Amino acid sequence: MNITAFDFGNTRLKMGTISNGSIENLSFCTYLDDYKDLCLKYIHDNKSEKVLVSVVNKKNYENFLTTLKLDVSFLSILSFKNFKTVYADSNSLGIDRILAMLGARKMSKKNCIVIDAGTATTIDYIDDKFLHKGGIILPSKDMVIDAFSNRLGLTVEKKEDTVFNFLNNSTHASIESGATLCAYNNINYLIDNFIAIEGEDVDIYVTGGNALALIDNCNYNLIHVDSLIFKGMLDII
C-alpha cells in the first residue's frame, strides 16, 4: 500500500510517497500555488489509501484534509512511543522537529544534531536513546532582512549566493552581509558548544528549503536529507 505524506511548513508544502519502507516522488510547492488541487492530484497519481500529515498549525488545513475519503492521520508527539524530550510541555515541541529528529535517528547510530533550515532555523540535539536534550530556534537570513526592511522602510534584494564581507560599499550590501552573519555564524557557534558539552561522536543532519545555503556557510560536514521529516514517519508504519 502506498502512503502519501504531507509536511505543511510555514512557507512551502512538501509531498512524498512512502512505499515499501522508502521515500519516493518528493515534490514541493508554495501556498501561492493551488496547493489543494496539487495535493489531490498527488494522492490520486500515487494511488494512496492513507495520508500522514505533519503540520504545526493544524486548523489551517484540517477542514480540507478531513474532506478526503481516505484514512488521514495528523501526527503528534503521542504518535511516537520511543521519543522523549526535556521540554516541560512536550506538546509545545513542533511535530516537524520531532519527525526530523526521528528521521536522523533512523539513519544514524550516533547522537545527532538536527537542523531544519526553513522559514526559521531549528537546531536540536537527540541522543542515541531517543532523548531530545533540547534545541534552539534562530531567524533565517530572510527573516533578518525582512526585519530590517520593515523597520527601516528599505527594499533589500535577497541573494543567497552573496559573498560575506566585513567591509561593504552600500547599505544594502551591509544588511545582506549582516543577515548572513546572523543566520549562519550563530549556527557554527551553537554546533561548537553542542559538541563541547556532549562530545564529538555526533552526526549532523540538515533539511529544509535553505539547507544548501546553510551548508555553504557551515564549518562542519553536514548530511543533507530532503526527505528527513518523511523518514521520521517510517517509525509508525
Protein backbone atom coordinates (compact mmCIF):
# COMPACT_ATOMS: atom_id res chain seq x y z
CA MET A 1 0.00 0.00 0.00
CA ASN A 2 1.28 3.45 -0.92
CA ILE A 3 1.04 6.12 1.76
CA THR A 4 1.06 9.82 0.93
CA ALA A 5 2.98 12.03 3.38
CA PHE A 6 2.43 15.79 3.63
CA ASP A 7 4.57 18.27 5.54
CA PHE A 8 2.79 21.61 5.78
CA GLY A 9 5.58 24.09 6.54
CA ASN A 10 5.27 27.82 7.07
CA THR A 11 6.49 28.67 3.56
CA ARG A 12 6.07 25.57 1.44
CA LEU A 13 4.36 22.20 1.28
CA LYS A 14 6.37 19.01 0.87
CA MET A 15 4.83 15.83 -0.52
CA GLY A 16 6.24 12.32 -0.55
CA THR A 17 5.17 8.72 -1.10
CA ILE A 18 6.08 6.05 1.42
CA SER A 19 6.32 2.70 -0.31
CA ASN A 20 8.00 -0.48 0.98
CA GLY A 21 9.91 1.42 3.65
CA SER A 22 11.36 4.05 1.30
CA ILE A 23 10.51 7.65 0.41
CA GLU A 24 9.71 8.29 -3.24
CA ASN A 25 8.37 11.01 -5.55
CA LEU A 26 9.40 14.03 -3.46
CA SER A 27 7.60 17.17 -4.56
CA PHE A 28 7.42 20.76 -3.29
CA CYS A 29 5.11 23.71 -3.82
CA THR A 30 4.33 27.06 -2.20
CA TYR A 31 0.96 28.18 -0.92
CA LEU A 32 0.83 30.66 -3.79
CA ASP A 33 0.24 27.62 -5.97
CA ASP A 34 -3.15 25.91 -5.99
CA TYR A 35 -1.87 23.53 -3.34
CA LYS A 36 -5.22 21.85 -2.66
CA ASP A 37 -5.53 20.66 -6.26
CA LEU A 38 -1.87 19.63 -6.23
CA CYS A 39 -2.46 17.56 -3.07
CA LEU A 40 -5.45 15.80 -4.59
CA LYS A 41 -3.58 15.10 -7.82
CA TYR A 42 -0.58 13.77 -5.88
CA ILE A 43 -2.75 11.38 -3.86
CA HIS A 44 -4.54 10.20 -7.00
CA ASP A 45 -1.37 9.73 -9.05
CA ASN A 46 0.26 7.66 -6.29
CA LYS A 47 -2.86 5.57 -5.67
CA SER A 48 -2.68 6.24 -1.93
CA GLU A 49 -5.17 4.86 0.57
CA LYS A 50 -3.66 6.52 3.63
CA VAL A 51 -2.34 10.03 4.33
CA LEU A 52 0.12 11.04 7.08
CA VAL A 53 0.26 14.73 7.90
CA SER A 54 2.86 16.86 9.66
CA VAL A 55 1.51 20.34 10.34
CA VAL A 56 2.30 22.76 13.14
CA ASN A 57 -0.89 24.78 12.74
CA LYS A 58 -3.45 22.06 12.06
CA LYS A 59 -6.52 24.31 11.93
CA ASN A 60 -5.30 25.91 8.69
CA TYR A 61 -5.57 22.61 6.79
CA GLU A 62 -7.75 20.28 8.83
CA ASN A 63 -11.03 21.08 7.08
CA PHE A 64 -9.53 20.47 3.65
CA LEU A 65 -7.79 17.21 4.54
CA THR A 66 -10.65 15.68 6.51
CA THR A 67 -12.94 16.01 3.48
CA LEU A 68 -10.82 13.40 1.72
CA LYS A 69 -12.42 9.96 1.70
CA LEU A 70 -9.20 8.43 2.99
CA ASP A 71 -7.53 7.45 6.24
CA VAL A 72 -5.92 10.78 7.27
CA SER A 73 -3.67 10.84 10.36
CA PHE A 74 -2.43 14.09 11.90
CA LEU A 75 0.81 13.20 13.65
CA SER A 76 1.73 14.42 17.13
CA ILE A 77 4.25 13.55 19.84
CA LEU A 78 1.76 10.92 21.05
CA SER A 79 2.33 9.04 17.77
CA PHE A 80 5.86 8.06 18.84
CA LYS A 81 6.31 5.98 21.99
CA ASN A 82 10.13 5.86 21.93
CA PHE A 83 10.64 9.62 21.68
CA LYS A 84 11.37 11.57 24.87
CA THR A 85 12.12 15.25 25.40
CA VAL A 86 13.38 17.50 28.18
CA TYR A 87 10.66 20.01 27.26
CA ALA A 88 8.40 20.60 30.28
CA ASP A 89 5.44 20.92 27.90
CA SER A 90 6.14 18.29 25.26
CA ASN A 91 3.11 19.39 23.23
CA SER A 92 4.85 22.71 22.54
CA LEU A 93 7.56 20.93 20.54
CA GLY A 94 6.71 21.16 16.83
CA ILE A 95 5.88 17.88 15.12
CA ASP A 96 8.20 18.82 12.23
CA ARG A 97 11.14 19.00 14.64
CA ILE A 98 10.21 15.65 16.19
CA LEU A 99 9.97 13.97 12.80
CA ALA A 100 13.28 15.41 11.60
CA MET A 101 15.00 14.10 14.74
CA LEU A 102 13.44 10.66 14.35
CA GLY A 103 14.46 10.65 10.69
CA ALA A 104 18.05 11.33 11.71
CA ARG A 105 17.93 8.58 14.35
CA LYS A 106 16.66 6.23 11.63
CA MET A 107 19.84 6.86 9.65
CA SER A 108 22.45 7.09 12.41
CA LYS A 109 23.56 5.10 15.45
CA LYS A 110 25.27 8.16 16.92
CA ASN A 111 23.96 11.16 18.78
CA CYS A 112 22.56 13.63 16.27
CA ILE A 113 22.37 17.36 15.76
CA VAL A 114 19.39 18.06 13.52
CA ILE A 115 19.00 21.35 11.64
CA ASP A 116 15.84 22.31 9.77
CA ALA A 117 16.67 25.39 7.71
CA GLY A 118 13.28 26.69 6.69
CA THR A 119 11.36 29.89 7.38
CA ALA A 120 13.18 29.83 10.71
CA THR A 121 16.15 27.61 11.56
CA THR A 122 15.66 24.99 14.27
CA ILE A 123 18.62 23.16 15.79
CA ASP A 124 18.00 20.15 18.03
CA TYR A 125 20.10 17.54 19.80
CA ILE A 126 18.86 13.95 20.16
CA ASP A 127 20.96 11.21 21.73
CA ASP A 128 21.20 7.52 20.83
CA LYS A 129 18.48 6.68 23.39
CA PHE A 130 15.90 8.84 21.59
CA LEU A 131 16.12 11.59 24.23
CA HIS A 132 15.73 15.10 22.85
CA LYS A 133 18.09 17.13 25.03
CA GLY A 134 16.81 20.47 23.80
CA GLY A 135 17.34 22.90 20.99
CA ILE A 136 17.17 26.46 19.79
CA ILE A 137 15.33 28.44 17.11
CA LEU A 138 17.11 31.12 15.08
CA PRO A 139 15.79 33.56 12.49
CA SER A 140 16.62 32.67 8.91
CA LYS A 141 18.53 35.07 6.71
CA ASP A 142 15.28 36.13 5.02
CA MET A 143 13.68 36.88 8.41
CA VAL A 144 16.61 39.12 9.36
CA ILE A 145 16.40 41.01 6.05
CA ASP A 146 12.61 41.34 6.38
CA ALA A 147 13.02 42.79 9.87
CA PHE A 148 15.44 45.43 8.54
CA SER A 149 13.18 46.17 5.58
CA ASN A 150 10.06 46.56 7.72
CA ARG A 151 11.69 48.74 10.38
CA LEU A 152 13.79 50.91 8.06
CA GLY A 153 11.47 51.08 5.05
CA LEU A 154 14.11 49.63 2.75
CA THR A 155 13.79 47.11 -0.04
CA VAL A 156 16.73 44.73 0.19
CA GLU A 157 17.25 42.16 -2.56
CA LYS A 158 17.74 38.69 -1.09
CA LYS A 159 20.70 36.86 -2.60
CA GLU A 160 21.67 33.53 -1.05
CA ASP A 161 24.86 33.41 -3.11
CA THR A 162 26.19 36.76 -1.88
CA VAL A 163 29.75 36.53 -0.54
CA PHE A 164 30.01 37.68 3.07
CA ASN A 165 32.14 40.81 3.57
CA PHE A 166 33.22 42.61 6.73
CA LEU A 167 33.57 45.88 4.80
CA ASN A 168 30.72 46.66 2.39
CA ASN A 169 30.23 49.51 -0.05
CA SER A 170 26.47 50.11 0.30
CA THR A 171 23.69 49.96 2.89
CA HIS A 172 22.02 47.08 1.06
CA ALA A 173 25.25 45.08 0.89
CA SER A 174 25.89 45.80 4.58
CA ILE A 175 22.45 44.48 5.53
CA GLU A 176 22.92 41.43 3.30
CA SER A 177 26.25 40.59 4.93
CA GLY A 178 24.87 41.26 8.40
CA ALA A 179 21.93 38.96 7.75
CA THR A 180 24.31 36.24 6.53
CA LEU A 181 26.38 36.62 9.70
CA CYS A 182 23.27 36.43 11.94
CA ALA A 183 21.80 33.46 10.13
CA TYR A 184 24.85 31.26 9.71
CA ASN A 185 27.70 32.23 12.03
CA ASN A 186 25.50 31.57 15.06
CA ILE A 187 24.92 28.02 13.83
CA ASN A 188 28.65 27.34 13.82
CA TYR A 189 28.83 28.75 17.35
CA LEU A 190 25.97 26.52 18.53
CA ILE A 191 27.43 23.36 16.99
CA ASP A 192 30.79 24.19 18.62
CA ASN A 193 29.06 24.33 22.00
CA PHE A 194 26.86 21.25 21.48
CA ILE A 195 30.00 19.25 20.71
CA ALA A 196 31.91 20.76 23.64
CA ILE A 197 29.11 19.73 26.02
CA GLU A 198 28.01 16.38 24.56
CA GLY A 199 31.12 15.12 22.74
CA GLU A 200 32.41 14.82 19.18
CA ASP A 201 30.80 11.47 18.30
CA VAL A 202 27.86 13.05 16.51
CA ASP A 203 26.26 13.15 13.08
CA ILE A 204 24.86 16.48 11.88
CA TYR A 205 21.82 16.40 9.60
CA VAL A 206 20.26 19.29 7.73
CA THR A 207 16.98 19.59 5.84
CA GLY A 208 14.71 22.41 4.68
CA GLY A 209 14.49 24.93 1.86
CA ASN A 210 17.59 26.86 2.95
CA ALA A 211 19.73 23.76 3.56
CA LEU A 212 22.15 24.34 0.67
CA ALA A 213 22.86 27.93 1.72
CA LEU A 214 23.49 26.73 5.26
CA ILE A 215 25.86 24.02 4.02
CA ASP A 216 27.85 26.64 2.10
CA ASN A 217 28.28 28.71 5.27
CA CYS A 218 28.86 25.97 7.84
CA ASN A 219 32.26 24.89 9.16
CA TYR A 220 31.11 21.30 9.69
CA ASN A 221 30.31 18.40 7.40
CA LEU A 222 26.53 18.25 7.18
CA ILE A 223 24.42 15.33 5.93
CA HIS A 224 21.74 16.81 3.67
CA VAL A 225 18.48 14.83 3.52
CA ASP A 226 15.50 16.49 1.81
CA SER A 227 13.17 13.71 2.99
CA LEU A 228 14.29 13.75 6.65
CA ILE A 229 10.84 14.58 8.06
CA PHE A 230 9.25 11.82 5.99
CA LYS A 231 11.89 9.34 7.16
CA GLY A 232 10.72 10.10 10.69
CA MET A 233 7.24 8.93 9.72
CA LEU A 234 8.57 5.44 9.00
CA ASP A 235 8.58 4.78 12.76
CA ILE A 236 4.79 4.50 12.83
CA ILE A 237 4.28 2.38 9.71
